[in-house]
């Protein structure tokens, strides 16, 4: 049985560029899929296809049990979307923005006001509720946009790099909101370049590069592909590096052949399996040999390691936003997000000629 978000063989090209090269996805209900990839990998294109904003060249997509290509309007009534840029009306106040979205969902005025007030408080925007949003900082606009996406608590949410532009405190706050949503049964597809974000939030992670899903699994499963744990030792005396290697070879996987040495930093790295208990044994053996060390530690692979091993390059971390203390410099409204249920007609292709490959 297909999950809450299902895709099979999605292909999308823009001229000579293949943005999606046959993407398959299956996201179980009530879980978070983290989609990792650098700029230009195809993450945003995949989201736009799944949220009816862009029609694929071929393939199949089903969201909330509804065929995306055949019934786009029905899909829109069951999803929420927060794009990469805050899509708010800068001439309305924060409260008016949320009430407007509620009215598009045909929510009564009294209930719309109550829901707006609830979301303003949830996203720490109550004090700015009656200010026009063009006076908001970039971080505040971002939070208002996210609040608007949650007006009707949709069963399926798409968040395209939602914490871009948020400071660490507000990023953590959003993580808590996401966890609340998922605990209530919401299914979420989250694209991000923050590797720690995927590690913290996602039940499952897929790595996408050049329009293809090149790996998928839990965080632990993906990390295991990089070779597991390793002990790193910095020898104090360059003359005792070989002695240190001999000690580490007794504990490592693969003996001496598995050990790497960086002589200019005196760093010795050995792959191991045994965790903290083995680390204690290594320290005792080095001490017994009279080998002085400057540093030693047990290192577990990170998603950074996974990303580099799979793609050959590091993820391009987005620049953290200024949060609430710095004014948004673009002075305008971005068009990167859309609200479900507000479109008309059954043509899901929305300005595809302007779509950038992301």
C-alpha atoms as a PDB file:
ATOM      1  CA  UNK A   1       0.000   0.000   0.000  1.00  0.00           C
ATOM      2  CA  UNK A   2       1.417   3.386  -1.026  1.00  0.00           C
ATOM      3  CA  UNK A   3       2.348   5.881   1.663  1.00  0.00           C
ATOM      4  CA  UNK A   4       0.943   9.355   2.232  1.00  0.00           C
ATOM      5  CA  UNK A   5       3.421  10.661  -0.352  1.00  0.00           C
ATOM      6  CA  UNK A   6       4.206   8.373  -3.265  1.00  0.00           C
ATOM      7  CA  UNK A   7       6.117   8.993  -6.463  1.00  0.00           C
ATOM      8  CA  UNK A   8       7.263   6.664  -9.192  1.00  0.00           C
ATOM      9  CA  UNK A   9       9.601   7.553 -12.043  1.00  0.00           C
ATOM     10  CA  UNK A  10       9.186  11.335 -11.891  1.00  0.00           C
ATOM     11  CA  UNK A  11      11.026  13.000 -14.765  1.00  0.00           C
ATOM     12  CA  UNK A  12      11.240  16.731 -15.445  1.00  0.00           C
ATOM     13  CA  UNK A  13      13.510  18.549 -17.862  1.00  0.00           C
ATOM     14  CA  UNK A  14      14.099  22.236 -18.529  1.00  0.00           C
ATOM     15  CA  UNK A  15      15.640  22.552 -21.957  1.00  0.00           C
ATOM     16  CA  UNK A  16      18.791  20.451 -21.913  1.00  0.00           C
ATOM     17  CA  UNK A  17      18.805  20.150 -18.123  1.00  0.00           C
ATOM     18  CA  UNK A  18      17.225  17.098 -16.525  1.00  0.00           C
ATOM     19  CA  UNK A  19      16.059  18.331 -13.118  1.00  0.00           C
ATOM     20  CA  UNK A  20      14.474  14.999 -12.173  1.00  0.00           C
ATOM     21  CA  UNK A  21      15.780  11.809 -13.700  1.00  0.00           C
ATOM     22  CA  UNK A  22      13.247   9.261 -12.461  1.00  0.00           C
ATOM     23  CA  UNK A  23      12.585   9.931  -8.783  1.00  0.00           C
ATOM     24  CA  UNK A  24      10.841   7.297  -6.651  1.00  0.00           C
ATOM     25  CA  UNK A  25       9.512   8.126  -3.176  1.00  0.00           C
ATOM     26  CA  UNK A  26       7.302   6.382  -0.636  1.00  0.00           C
ATOM     27  CA  UNK A  27       6.673   8.223   2.637  1.00  0.00           C
ATOM     28  CA  UNK A  28       4.601   6.363   5.260  1.00  0.00           C
ATOM     29  CA  UNK A  29       1.810   8.243   6.984  1.00  0.00           C
ATOM     30  CA  UNK A  30       2.848  10.158  10.096  1.00  0.00           C
ATOM     31  CA  UNK A  31       6.575  10.190   9.305  1.00  0.00           C
ATOM     32  CA  UNK A  32       9.162  12.724   8.170  1.00  0.00           C
ATOM     33  CA  UNK A  33      11.209  12.208   5.021  1.00  0.00           C
ATOM     34  CA  UNK A  34      14.281  14.413   4.919  1.00  0.00           C
ATOM     35  CA  UNK A  35      15.415  15.166   1.377  1.00  0.00           C
ATOM     36  CA  UNK A  36      19.071  16.162   1.303  1.00  0.00           C
ATOM     37  CA  UNK A  37      20.907  17.621  -1.639  1.00  0.00           C
ATOM     38  CA  UNK A  38      22.977  20.589  -2.798  1.00  0.00           C
ATOM     39  CA  UNK A  39      21.643  23.513  -4.798  1.00  0.00           C
ATOM     40  CA  UNK A  40      20.566  22.256  -8.207  1.00  0.00           C
ATOM     41  CA  UNK A  41      20.023  18.680  -7.035  1.00  0.00           C
ATOM     42  CA  UNK A  42      16.299  18.638  -7.872  1.00  0.00           C
ATOM     43  CA  UNK A  43      14.769  18.986  -4.399  1.00  0.00           C
ATOM     44  CA  UNK A  44      12.591  22.005  -5.117  1.00  0.00           C
ATOM     45  CA  UNK A  45      11.511  20.641  -8.493  1.00  0.00           C
ATOM     46  CA  UNK A  46      10.353  17.440  -6.785  1.00  0.00           C
ATOM     47  CA  UNK A  47       8.373  19.442  -4.229  1.00  0.00           C
ATOM     48  CA  UNK A  48       6.752  21.571  -6.926  1.00  0.00           C
ATOM     49  CA  UNK A  49       5.653  18.469  -8.811  1.00  0.00           C
ATOM     50  CA  UNK A  50       4.238  16.808  -5.699  1.00  0.00           C
ATOM     51  CA  UNK A  51       2.346  19.960  -4.697  1.00  0.00           C
ATOM     52  CA  UNK A  52       0.716  20.414  -8.157  1.00  0.00           C
ATOM     53  CA  UNK A  53       2.723  23.525  -9.066  1.00  0.00           C
ATOM     54  CA  UNK A  54       4.613  21.829 -11.869  1.00  0.00           C
ATOM     55  CA  UNK A  55       3.629  19.030 -14.208  1.00  0.00           C
ATOM     56  CA  UNK A  56       6.246  16.297 -14.732  1.00  0.00           C
ATOM     57  CA  UNK A  57       7.226  15.083 -18.184  1.00  0.00           C
ATOM     58  CA  UNK A  58       6.499  11.533 -17.059  1.00  0.00           C
ATOM     59  CA  UNK A  59       5.921   9.506 -13.943  1.00  0.00           C
ATOM     60  CA  UNK A  60       3.269   9.087 -11.299  1.00  0.00           C
ATOM     61  CA  UNK A  61       2.580  10.909  -8.037  1.00  0.00           C
ATOM     62  CA  UNK A  62      -0.032  10.268  -5.354  1.00  0.00           C
ATOM     63  CA  UNK A  63      -0.403  12.489  -2.281  1.00  0.00           C
ATOM     64  CA  UNK A  64      -2.872  11.780   0.537  1.00  0.00           C
ATOM     65  CA  UNK A  65      -4.247   8.971  -1.613  1.00  0.00           C
ATOM     66  CA  UNK A  66      -5.077  11.351  -4.490  1.00  0.00           C
ATOM     67  CA  UNK A  67      -3.544  11.310  -7.958  1.00  0.00           C
ATOM     68  CA  UNK A  68      -1.590  14.551  -8.325  1.00  0.00           C
ATOM     69  CA  UNK A  69      -1.913  14.722 -12.114  1.00  0.00           C
ATOM     70  CA  UNK A  70      -5.587  13.778 -12.369  1.00  0.00           C
ATOM     71  CA  UNK A  71      -6.999  15.666  -9.377  1.00  0.00           C
ATOM     72  CA  UNK A  72      -4.702  18.580  -8.487  1.00  0.00           C
ATOM     73  CA  UNK A  73      -7.424  20.686  -6.851  1.00  0.00           C
ATOM     74  CA  UNK A  74      -8.334  17.845  -4.519  1.00  0.00           C
ATOM     75  CA  UNK A  75      -4.668  17.376  -3.612  1.00  0.00           C
ATOM     76  CA  UNK A  76      -4.384  21.073  -2.742  1.00  0.00           C
ATOM     77  CA  UNK A  77      -7.157  20.728  -0.190  1.00  0.00           C
ATOM     78  CA  UNK A  78      -5.130  18.103   1.681  1.00  0.00           C
ATOM     79  CA  UNK A  79      -1.662  19.634   1.752  1.00  0.00           C
ATOM     80  CA  UNK A  80       0.264  22.557   3.131  1.00  0.00           C
ATOM     81  CA  UNK A  81       3.378  24.065   1.593  1.00  0.00           C
ATOM     82  CA  UNK A  82       6.054  26.353   2.897  1.00  0.00           C
ATOM     83  CA  UNK A  83       8.518  27.243   0.164  1.00  0.00           C
ATOM     84  CA  UNK A  84      12.044  28.572   0.305  1.00  0.00           C
ATOM     85  CA  UNK A  85      10.891  32.175   0.501  1.00  0.00           C
ATOM     86  CA  UNK A  86       8.264  33.822   2.670  1.00  0.00           C
ATOM     87  CA  UNK A  87       5.089  34.231   0.596  1.00  0.00           C
ATOM     88  CA  UNK A  88       3.199  36.814   2.602  1.00  0.00           C
ATOM     89  CA  UNK A  89       1.280  39.923   1.563  1.00  0.00           C
ATOM     90  CA  UNK A  90       3.529  42.736   2.721  1.00  0.00           C
ATOM     91  CA  UNK A  91       0.659  45.232   2.843  1.00  0.00           C
ATOM     92  CA  UNK A  92      -1.354  43.178   5.339  1.00  0.00           C
ATOM     93  CA  UNK A  93      -0.629  42.783   9.021  1.00  0.00           C
ATOM     94  CA  UNK A  94       0.514  39.476  10.387  1.00  0.00           C
ATOM     95  CA  UNK A  95      -2.957  38.742  11.724  1.00  0.00           C
ATOM     96  CA  UNK A  96      -4.616  39.782   8.452  1.00  0.00           C
ATOM     97  CA  UNK A  97      -2.329  37.475   6.474  1.00  0.00           C
ATOM     98  CA  UNK A  98      -3.379  34.490   8.560  1.00  0.00           C
ATOM     99  CA  UNK A  99      -7.058  35.431   8.511  1.00  0.00           C
ATOM    100  CA  UNK A 100      -6.921  35.811   4.726  1.00  0.00           C
ATOM    101  CA  UNK A 101      -5.530  32.293   4.355  1.00  0.00           C
ATOM    102  CA  UNK A 102      -8.242  30.985   6.681  1.00  0.00           C
ATOM    103  CA  UNK A 103     -10.922  32.672   4.561  1.00  0.00           C
ATOM    104  CA  UNK A 104      -9.524  30.992   1.443  1.00  0.00           C
ATOM    105  CA  UNK A 105     -10.245  27.724   3.229  1.00  0.00           C
ATOM    106  CA  UNK A 106     -13.792  28.991   3.889  1.00  0.00           C
ATOM    107  CA  UNK A 107     -13.248  29.188   7.635  1.00  0.00           C
ATOM    108  CA  UNK A 108     -15.673  31.505   9.426  1.00  0.00           C
ATOM    109  CA  UNK A 109     -14.481  34.918  10.623  1.00  0.00           C
ATOM    110  CA  UNK A 110     -14.625  34.113  14.346  1.00  0.00           C
ATOM    111  CA  UNK A 111     -12.784  30.810  13.964  1.00  0.00           C
ATOM    112  CA  UNK A 112     -10.275  32.418  11.586  1.00  0.00           C
ATOM    113  CA  UNK A 113      -9.394  35.088  14.139  1.00  0.00           C
ATOM    114  CA  UNK A 114      -8.996  32.507  16.899  1.00  0.00           C
ATOM    115  CA  UNK A 115      -6.759  30.346  14.719  1.00  0.00           C
ATOM    116  CA  UNK A 116      -4.677  33.366  13.686  1.00  0.00           C
ATOM    117  CA  UNK A 117      -4.156  34.368  17.316  1.00  0.00           C
ATOM    118  CA  UNK A 118      -3.166  30.807  18.216  1.00  0.00           C
ATOM    119  CA  UNK A 119      -0.565  30.652  15.446  1.00  0.00           C
ATOM    120  CA  UNK A 120       0.786  34.128  16.161  1.00  0.00           C
ATOM    121  CA  UNK A 121       1.445  33.072  19.734  1.00  0.00           C
ATOM    122  CA  UNK A 122       2.905  29.736  18.667  1.00  0.00           C
ATOM    123  CA  UNK A 123       5.436  31.464  16.411  1.00  0.00           C
ATOM    124  CA  UNK A 124       6.198  34.307  18.831  1.00  0.00           C
ATOM    125  CA  UNK A 125       4.596  36.963  16.632  1.00  0.00           C
ATOM    126  CA  UNK A 126       1.855  38.241  18.944  1.00  0.00           C
ATOM    127  CA  UNK A 127       3.588  41.564  19.628  1.00  0.00           C
ATOM    128  CA  UNK A 128       3.860  42.208  15.878  1.00  0.00           C
ATOM    129  CA  UNK A 129       0.382  40.912  14.987  1.00  0.00           C
ATOM    130  CA  UNK A 130      -0.994  44.340  14.028  1.00  0.00           C
ATOM    131  CA  UNK A 131       2.060  45.554  12.113  1.00  0.00           C
ATOM    132  CA  UNK A 132       2.105  45.327   8.321  1.00  0.00           C
ATOM    133  CA  UNK A 133       4.391  42.505   7.335  1.00  0.00           C
ATOM    134  CA  UNK A 134       6.653  44.663   5.156  1.00  0.00           C
ATOM    135  CA  UNK A 135       8.042  46.010   8.451  1.00  0.00           C
ATOM    136  CA  UNK A 136       8.942  42.487   9.599  1.00  0.00           C
ATOM    137  CA  UNK A 137      12.499  41.223   9.606  1.00  0.00           C
ATOM    138  CA  UNK A 138      13.398  38.333   7.318  1.00  0.00           C
ATOM    139  CA  UNK A 139      13.137  35.862  10.173  1.00  0.00           C
ATOM    140  CA  UNK A 140       9.716  37.165  11.197  1.00  0.00           C
ATOM    141  CA  UNK A 141       8.393  36.877   7.646  1.00  0.00           C
ATOM    142  CA  UNK A 142       9.681  33.329   7.511  1.00  0.00           C
ATOM    143  CA  UNK A 143       7.801  32.418  10.682  1.00  0.00           C
ATOM    144  CA  UNK A 144       4.628  34.098   9.447  1.00  0.00           C
ATOM    145  CA  UNK A 145       4.831  32.105   6.221  1.00  0.00           C
ATOM    146  CA  UNK A 146       5.174  28.871   8.172  1.00  0.00           C
ATOM    147  CA  UNK A 147       2.235  29.820  10.365  1.00  0.00           C
ATOM    148  CA  UNK A 148       0.106  30.413   7.257  1.00  0.00           C
ATOM    149  CA  UNK A 149       0.954  26.941   5.972  1.00  0.00           C
ATOM    150  CA  UNK A 150      -0.465  25.476   9.179  1.00  0.00           C
ATOM    151  CA  UNK A 151      -3.777  27.343   9.301  1.00  0.00           C
ATOM    152  CA  UNK A 152      -5.819  24.194   8.604  1.00  0.00           C
ATOM    153  CA  UNK A 153      -3.432  21.566  10.034  1.00  0.00           C
ATOM    154  CA  UNK A 154      -3.174  19.647   6.732  1.00  0.00           C
ATOM    155  CA  UNK A 155      -2.556  15.887   6.872  1.00  0.00           C
ATOM    156  CA  UNK A 156       0.426  16.221   4.506  1.00  0.00           C
ATOM    157  CA  UNK A 157       2.989  19.020   4.697  1.00  0.00           C
ATOM    158  CA  UNK A 158       5.798  19.999   2.355  1.00  0.00           C
ATOM    159  CA  UNK A 159       8.531  22.225   3.734  1.00  0.00           C
ATOM    160  CA  UNK A 160      11.182  23.360   1.274  1.00  0.00           C
ATOM    161  CA  UNK A 161      14.205  24.458   3.323  1.00  0.00           C
ATOM    162  CA  UNK A 162      11.896  25.946   5.987  1.00  0.00           C
ATOM    163  CA  UNK A 163      14.563  27.139   8.406  1.00  0.00           C
ATOM    164  CA  UNK A 164      16.574  29.140   5.893  1.00  0.00           C
ATOM    165  CA  UNK A 165      16.698  32.675   7.275  1.00  0.00           C
ATOM    166  CA  UNK A 166      16.022  31.660  10.881  1.00  0.00           C
ATOM    167  CA  UNK A 167      18.445  32.136  13.723  1.00  0.00           C
ATOM    168  CA  UNK A 168      19.302  29.102  15.916  1.00  0.00           C
ATOM    169  CA  UNK A 169      16.641  29.898  18.519  1.00  0.00           C
ATOM    170  CA  UNK A 170      13.843  30.171  15.972  1.00  0.00           C
ATOM    171  CA  UNK A 171      15.148  27.138  14.097  1.00  0.00           C
ATOM    172  CA  UNK A 172      14.870  25.109  17.296  1.00  0.00           C
ATOM    173  CA  UNK A 173      11.364  26.467  17.830  1.00  0.00           C
ATOM    174  CA  UNK A 174      10.340  25.318  14.367  1.00  0.00           C
ATOM    175  CA  UNK A 175      11.799  21.875  15.022  1.00  0.00           C
ATOM    176  CA  UNK A 176       9.538  21.619  18.058  1.00  0.00           C
ATOM    177  CA  UNK A 177       6.505  22.625  15.975  1.00  0.00           C
ATOM    178  CA  UNK A 178       7.380  19.999  13.360  1.00  0.00           C
ATOM    179  CA  UNK A 179       7.693  17.325  16.028  1.00  0.00           C
ATOM    180  CA  UNK A 180       4.285  18.300  17.422  1.00  0.00           C
ATOM    181  CA  UNK A 181       2.725  18.053  13.960  1.00  0.00           C
ATOM    182  CA  UNK A 182       4.181  14.638  13.277  1.00  0.00           C
ATOM    183  CA  UNK A 183       3.198  13.314  16.695  1.00  0.00           C
ATOM    184  CA  UNK A 184      -0.355  14.325  15.759  1.00  0.00           C
ATOM    185  CA  UNK A 185      -0.234  12.243  12.574  1.00  0.00           C
ATOM    186  CA  UNK A 186       0.953  14.751   9.965  1.00  0.00           C
ATOM    187  CA  UNK A 187       3.178  13.410   7.191  1.00  0.00           C
ATOM    188  CA  UNK A 188       6.043  15.707   6.236  1.00  0.00           C
ATOM    189  CA  UNK A 189       8.471  15.942   3.348  1.00  0.00           C
ATOM    190  CA  UNK A 190      11.283  18.251   4.398  1.00  0.00           C
ATOM    191  CA  UNK A 191      14.003  19.452   2.060  1.00  0.00           C
ATOM    192  CA  UNK A 192      17.067  20.880   3.723  1.00  0.00           C
ATOM    193  CA  UNK A 193      20.751  21.584   3.391  1.00  0.00           C
ATOM    194  CA  UNK A 194      21.171  21.594   7.171  1.00  0.00           C
ATOM    195  CA  UNK A 195      22.455  18.094   7.777  1.00  0.00           C
ATOM    196  CA  UNK A 196      21.813  18.322  11.514  1.00  0.00           C
ATOM    197  CA  UNK A 197      18.195  19.202  10.740  1.00  0.00           C
ATOM    198  CA  UNK A 198      17.647  15.996   8.789  1.00  0.00           C
ATOM    199  CA  UNK A 199      19.469  14.035  11.479  1.00  0.00           C
ATOM    200  CA  UNK A 200      17.278  15.538  14.204  1.00  0.00           C
ATOM    201  CA  UNK A 201      13.862  15.404  12.532  1.00  0.00           C
ATOM    202  CA  UNK A 202      13.690  12.771   9.813  1.00  0.00           C
ATOM    203  CA  UNK A 203      12.612   9.170  10.276  1.00  0.00           C
ATOM    204  CA  UNK A 204      14.020   8.449   6.833  1.00  0.00           C
ATOM    205  CA  UNK A 205      16.475  10.375   4.663  1.00  0.00           C
ATOM    206  CA  UNK A 206      16.947  10.346   0.918  1.00  0.00           C
ATOM    207  CA  UNK A 207      19.959  11.924  -0.733  1.00  0.00           C
ATOM    208  CA  UNK A 208      19.250  13.470  -4.115  1.00  0.00           C
ATOM    209  CA  UNK A 209      21.909  14.656  -6.545  1.00  0.00           C
ATOM    210  CA  UNK A 210      21.607  15.613 -10.215  1.00  0.00           C
ATOM    211  CA  UNK A 211      17.914  14.710 -10.186  1.00  0.00           C
ATOM    212  CA  UNK A 212      18.386  11.184  -8.869  1.00  0.00           C
ATOM    213  CA  UNK A 213      17.840   9.600  -5.462  1.00  0.00           C
ATOM    214  CA  UNK A 214      21.286   8.130  -4.836  1.00  0.00           C
ATOM    215  CA  UNK A 215      20.689   6.753  -1.330  1.00  0.00           C
ATOM    216  CA  UNK A 216      17.914   6.268   1.180  1.00  0.00           C
ATOM    217  CA  UNK A 217      17.671   4.979   4.721  1.00  0.00           C
ATOM    218  CA  UNK A 218      17.580   6.011   8.337  1.00  0.00           C
ATOM    219  CA  UNK A 219      20.298   8.300   9.620  1.00  0.00           C
ATOM    220  CA  UNK A 220      22.072   5.367  11.262  1.00  0.00           C
ATOM    221  CA  UNK A 221      21.810   3.231   8.127  1.00  0.00           C
ATOM    222  CA  UNK A 222      23.332   5.936   5.962  1.00  0.00           C
ATOM    223  CA  UNK A 223      26.097   6.616   8.449  1.00  0.00           C
ATOM    224  CA  UNK A 224      26.971   2.922   8.532  1.00  0.00           C
ATOM    225  CA  UNK A 225      27.798   3.147   4.820  1.00  0.00           C
ATOM    226  CA  UNK A 226      30.790   5.375   5.594  1.00  0.00           C
ATOM    227  CA  UNK A 227      32.614   2.672   7.570  1.00  0.00           C
ATOM    228  CA  UNK A 228      31.400   3.116  11.122  1.00  0.00           C
ATOM    229  CA  UNK A 229      33.324   4.374  14.125  1.00  0.00           C
ATOM    230  CA  UNK A 230      36.949   5.413  14.226  1.00  0.00           C
ATOM    231  CA  UNK A 231      39.458   6.404  16.879  1.00  0.00           C
ATOM    232  CA  UNK A 232      41.590   9.457  16.191  1.00  0.00           C
ATOM    233  CA  UNK A 233      44.817   9.985  18.108  1.00  0.00           C
ATOM    234  CA  UNK A 234      47.153  12.985  18.002  1.00  0.00           C
ATOM    235  CA  UNK A 235      50.610  11.851  19.097  1.00  0.00           C
ATOM    236  CA  UNK A 236      52.633  14.334  21.147  1.00  0.00           C
ATOM    237  CA  UNK A 237      56.029  13.170  19.895  1.00  0.00           C
ATOM    238  CA  UNK A 238      56.450  12.757  16.101  1.00  0.00           C
ATOM    239  CA  UNK A 239      59.125  10.187  16.844  1.00  0.00           C
ATOM    240  CA  UNK A 240      56.590   7.879  18.459  1.00  0.00           C
ATOM    241  CA  UNK A 241      54.012   7.835  15.691  1.00  0.00           C
ATOM    242  CA  UNK A 242      55.068   4.339  14.596  1.00  0.00           C
ATOM    243  CA  UNK A 243      54.817   3.077  18.177  1.00  0.00           C
ATOM    244  CA  UNK A 244      51.323   4.550  18.374  1.00  0.00           C
ATOM    245  CA  UNK A 245      50.375   2.840  15.116  1.00  0.00           C
ATOM    246  CA  UNK A 246      51.544  -0.498  16.506  1.00  0.00           C
ATOM    247  CA  UNK A 247      49.304  -0.100  19.559  1.00  0.00           C
ATOM    248  CA  UNK A 248      46.292   0.989  17.514  1.00  0.00           C
ATOM    249  CA  UNK A 249      46.743  -1.863  15.047  1.00  0.00           C
ATOM    250  CA  UNK A 250      45.967  -4.313  17.850  1.00  0.00           C
ATOM    251  CA  UNK A 251      42.534  -2.756  18.303  1.00  0.00           C
ATOM    252  CA  UNK A 252      41.525  -1.615  14.830  1.00  0.00           C
ATOM    253  CA  UNK A 253      39.680  -3.321  12.008  1.00  0.00           C
ATOM    254  CA  UNK A 254      42.095  -4.435   9.300  1.00  0.00           C
ATOM    255  CA  UNK A 255      45.298  -4.151  11.319  1.00  0.00           C
ATOM    256  CA  UNK A 256      47.944  -1.739  10.060  1.00  0.00           C
ATOM    257  CA  UNK A 257      46.414  -1.577   6.583  1.00  0.00           C
ATOM    258  CA  UNK A 258      43.308   0.117   7.939  1.00  0.00           C
ATOM    259  CA  UNK A 259      45.240   2.882   9.696  1.00  0.00           C
ATOM    260  CA  UNK A 260      45.837   6.302   8.151  1.00  0.00           C
ATOM    261  CA  UNK A 261      48.516   8.739   9.341  1.00  0.00           C
ATOM    262  CA  UNK A 262      48.743  12.493   8.738  1.00  0.00           C
ATOM    263  CA  UNK A 263      52.309  13.246   9.751  1.00  0.00           C
ATOM    264  CA  UNK A 264      52.103  17.039   9.591  1.00  0.00           C
ATOM    265  CA  UNK A 265      49.317  16.997  12.213  1.00  0.00           C
ATOM    266  CA  UNK A 266      50.510  13.787  13.936  1.00  0.00           C
ATOM    267  CA  UNK A 267      46.945  12.474  13.515  1.00  0.00           C
ATOM    268  CA  UNK A 268      46.459   8.709  13.444  1.00  0.00           C
ATOM    269  CA  UNK A 269      43.046   7.335  12.477  1.00  0.00           C
ATOM    270  CA  UNK A 270      41.952   3.734  12.918  1.00  0.00           C
ATOM    271  CA  UNK A 271      38.527   2.202  12.096  1.00  0.00           C
ATOM    272  CA  UNK A 272      37.115   0.331  15.087  1.00  0.00           C
ATOM    273  CA  UNK A 273      34.049  -1.389  16.467  1.00  0.00           C
ATOM    274  CA  UNK A 274      33.635  -1.360  20.201  1.00  0.00           C
ATOM    275  CA  UNK A 275      32.704   2.153  21.177  1.00  0.00           C
ATOM    276  CA  UNK A 276      33.701   3.831  24.415  1.00  0.00           C
ATOM    277  CA  UNK A 277      34.852   0.588  26.036  1.00  0.00           C
ATOM    278  CA  UNK A 278      37.455   0.075  23.313  1.00  0.00           C
ATOM    279  CA  UNK A 279      38.543   3.704  23.598  1.00  0.00           C
ATOM    280  CA  UNK A 280      39.350   3.146  27.268  1.00  0.00           C
ATOM    281  CA  UNK A 281      41.420   0.076  26.365  1.00  0.00           C
ATOM    282  CA  UNK A 282      43.396   2.029  23.758  1.00  0.00           C
ATOM    283  CA  UNK A 283      44.156   4.779  26.268  1.00  0.00           C
ATOM    284  CA  UNK A 284      45.411   2.206  28.787  1.00  0.00           C
ATOM    285  CA  UNK A 285      47.627   0.501  26.196  1.00  0.00           C
ATOM    286  CA  UNK A 286      49.132   3.774  25.002  1.00  0.00           C
ATOM    287  CA  UNK A 287      49.853   4.745  28.593  1.00  0.00           C
ATOM    288  CA  UNK A 288      51.432   1.337  29.279  1.00  0.00           C
ATOM    289  CA  UNK A 289      53.813   1.945  26.361  1.00  0.00           C
ATOM    290  CA  UNK A 290      54.683   5.386  27.707  1.00  0.00           C
ATOM    291  CA  UNK A 291      53.232   7.109  24.641  1.00  0.00           C
ATOM    292  CA  UNK A 292      52.128  10.662  25.346  1.00  0.00           C
ATOM    293  CA  UNK A 293      49.186  11.977  23.326  1.00  0.00           C
ATOM    294  CA  UNK A 294      47.793  15.459  22.777  1.00  0.00           C
ATOM    295  CA  UNK A 295      44.279  14.329  21.906  1.00  0.00           C
ATOM    296  CA  UNK A 296      42.223  11.178  21.483  1.00  0.00           C
ATOM    297  CA  UNK A 297      38.606  10.643  20.641  1.00  0.00           C
ATOM    298  CA  UNK A 298      35.996   8.265  19.333  1.00  0.00           C
ATOM    299  CA  UNK A 299      34.418   9.687  16.198  1.00  0.00           C
ATOM    300  CA  UNK A 300      31.126   8.508  14.804  1.00  0.00           C
ATOM    301  CA  UNK A 301      30.230   9.286  11.183  1.00  0.00           C
ATOM    302  CA  UNK A 302      28.006  12.280  10.590  1.00  0.00           C
ATOM    303  CA  UNK A 303      25.625  13.022   7.761  1.00  0.00           C
ATOM    304  CA  UNK A 304      28.362  15.314   6.435  1.00  0.00           C
ATOM    305  CA  UNK A 305      30.525  12.220   6.032  1.00  0.00           C
ATOM    306  CA  UNK A 306      27.645  10.411   4.337  1.00  0.00           C
ATOM    307  CA  UNK A 307      27.027  13.263   1.933  1.00  0.00           C
ATOM    308  CA  UNK A 308      30.667  13.535   0.935  1.00  0.00           C
ATOM    309  CA  UNK A 309      31.021   9.780   0.479  1.00  0.00           C
ATOM    310  CA  UNK A 310      27.922   9.616  -1.733  1.00  0.00           C
ATOM    311  CA  UNK A 311      28.318  12.770  -3.819  1.00  0.00           C
ATOM    312  CA  UNK A 312      32.038  13.474  -3.671  1.00  0.00           C
ATOM    313  CA  UNK A 313      31.473  16.960  -2.301  1.00  0.00           C
ATOM    314  CA  UNK A 314      30.249  18.630   0.854  1.00  0.00           C
ATOM    315  CA  UNK A 315      26.719  19.908   1.232  1.00  0.00           C
ATOM    316  CA  UNK A 316      26.404  23.618   0.618  1.00  0.00           C
ATOM    317  CA  UNK A 317      25.210  24.875   3.965  1.00  0.00           C
ATOM    318  CA  UNK A 318      22.876  27.851   3.542  1.00  0.00           C
ATOM    319  CA  UNK A 319      23.909  31.054   5.226  1.00  0.00           C
ATOM    320  CA  UNK A 320      22.065  31.393   8.503  1.00  0.00           C
ATOM    321  CA  UNK A 321      19.577  34.220   8.470  1.00  0.00           C
ATOM    322  CA  UNK A 322      19.761  37.226  10.665  1.00  0.00           C
ATOM    323  CA  UNK A 323      16.605  36.263  12.500  1.00  0.00           C
ATOM    324  CA  UNK A 324      14.609  39.002  14.196  1.00  0.00           C
ATOM    325  CA  UNK A 325      17.258  41.663  14.531  1.00  0.00           C
ATOM    326  CA  UNK A 326      18.032  42.408  10.906  1.00  0.00           C
ATOM    327  CA  UNK A 327      15.691  43.786   8.307  1.00  0.00           C
ATOM    328  CA  UNK A 328      14.878  41.819   5.193  1.00  0.00           C
ATOM    329  CA  UNK A 329      16.818  43.421   2.354  1.00  0.00           C
ATOM    330  CA  UNK A 330      14.792  42.323  -0.634  1.00  0.00           C
ATOM    331  CA  UNK A 331      11.948  44.691   0.126  1.00  0.00           C
ATOM    332  CA  UNK A 332       9.467  42.534  -1.718  1.00  0.00           C
ATOM    333  CA  UNK A 333       7.387  39.428  -1.681  1.00  0.00           C
ATOM    334  CA  UNK A 334       8.955  36.212  -2.929  1.00  0.00           C
ATOM    335  CA  UNK A 335       6.898  33.869  -5.028  1.00  0.00           C
ATOM    336  CA  UNK A 336       8.420  30.599  -3.913  1.00  0.00           C
ATOM    337  CA  UNK A 337       5.480  29.281  -1.887  1.00  0.00           C
ATOM    338  CA  UNK A 338       1.816  28.590  -2.426  1.00  0.00           C
ATOM    339  CA  UNK A 339      -1.129  27.805  -0.213  1.00  0.00           C
ATOM    340  CA  UNK A 340      -3.154  24.711  -0.914  1.00  0.00           C
ATOM    341  CA  UNK A 341      -6.787  25.122  -1.830  1.00  0.00           C
ATOM    342  CA  UNK A 342      -6.372  28.661  -3.146  1.00  0.00           C
ATOM    343  CA  UNK A 343      -5.822  27.849  -6.817  1.00  0.00           C
ATOM    344  CA  UNK A 344      -8.512  27.564  -9.414  1.00  0.00           C
ATOM    345  CA  UNK A 345      -8.836  25.197 -12.334  1.00  0.00           C
ATOM    346  CA  UNK A 346      -7.337  21.782 -12.748  1.00  0.00           C
ATOM    347  CA  UNK A 347      -4.158  22.728 -14.579  1.00  0.00           C
ATOM    348  CA  UNK A 348      -1.321  22.058 -12.138  1.00  0.00           C
ATOM    349  CA  UNK A 349       1.325  23.577 -14.360  1.00  0.00           C
ATOM    350  CA  UNK A 350       2.107  26.920 -12.780  1.00  0.00           C
ATOM    351  CA  UNK A 351       4.531  29.090 -14.746  1.00  0.00           C
ATOM    352  CA  UNK A 352       6.784  26.147 -15.445  1.00  0.00           C
ATOM    353  CA  UNK A 353       8.799  28.172 -17.921  1.00  0.00           C
ATOM    354  CA  UNK A 354      10.093  30.226 -14.988  1.00  0.00           C
ATOM    355  CA  UNK A 355      10.968  27.253 -12.798  1.00  0.00           C
ATOM    356  CA  UNK A 356      14.587  27.215 -11.694  1.00  0.00           C
ATOM    357  CA  UNK A 357      16.338  23.906 -11.261  1.00  0.00           C
ATOM    358  CA  UNK A 358      16.845  23.404  -7.540  1.00  0.00           C
END
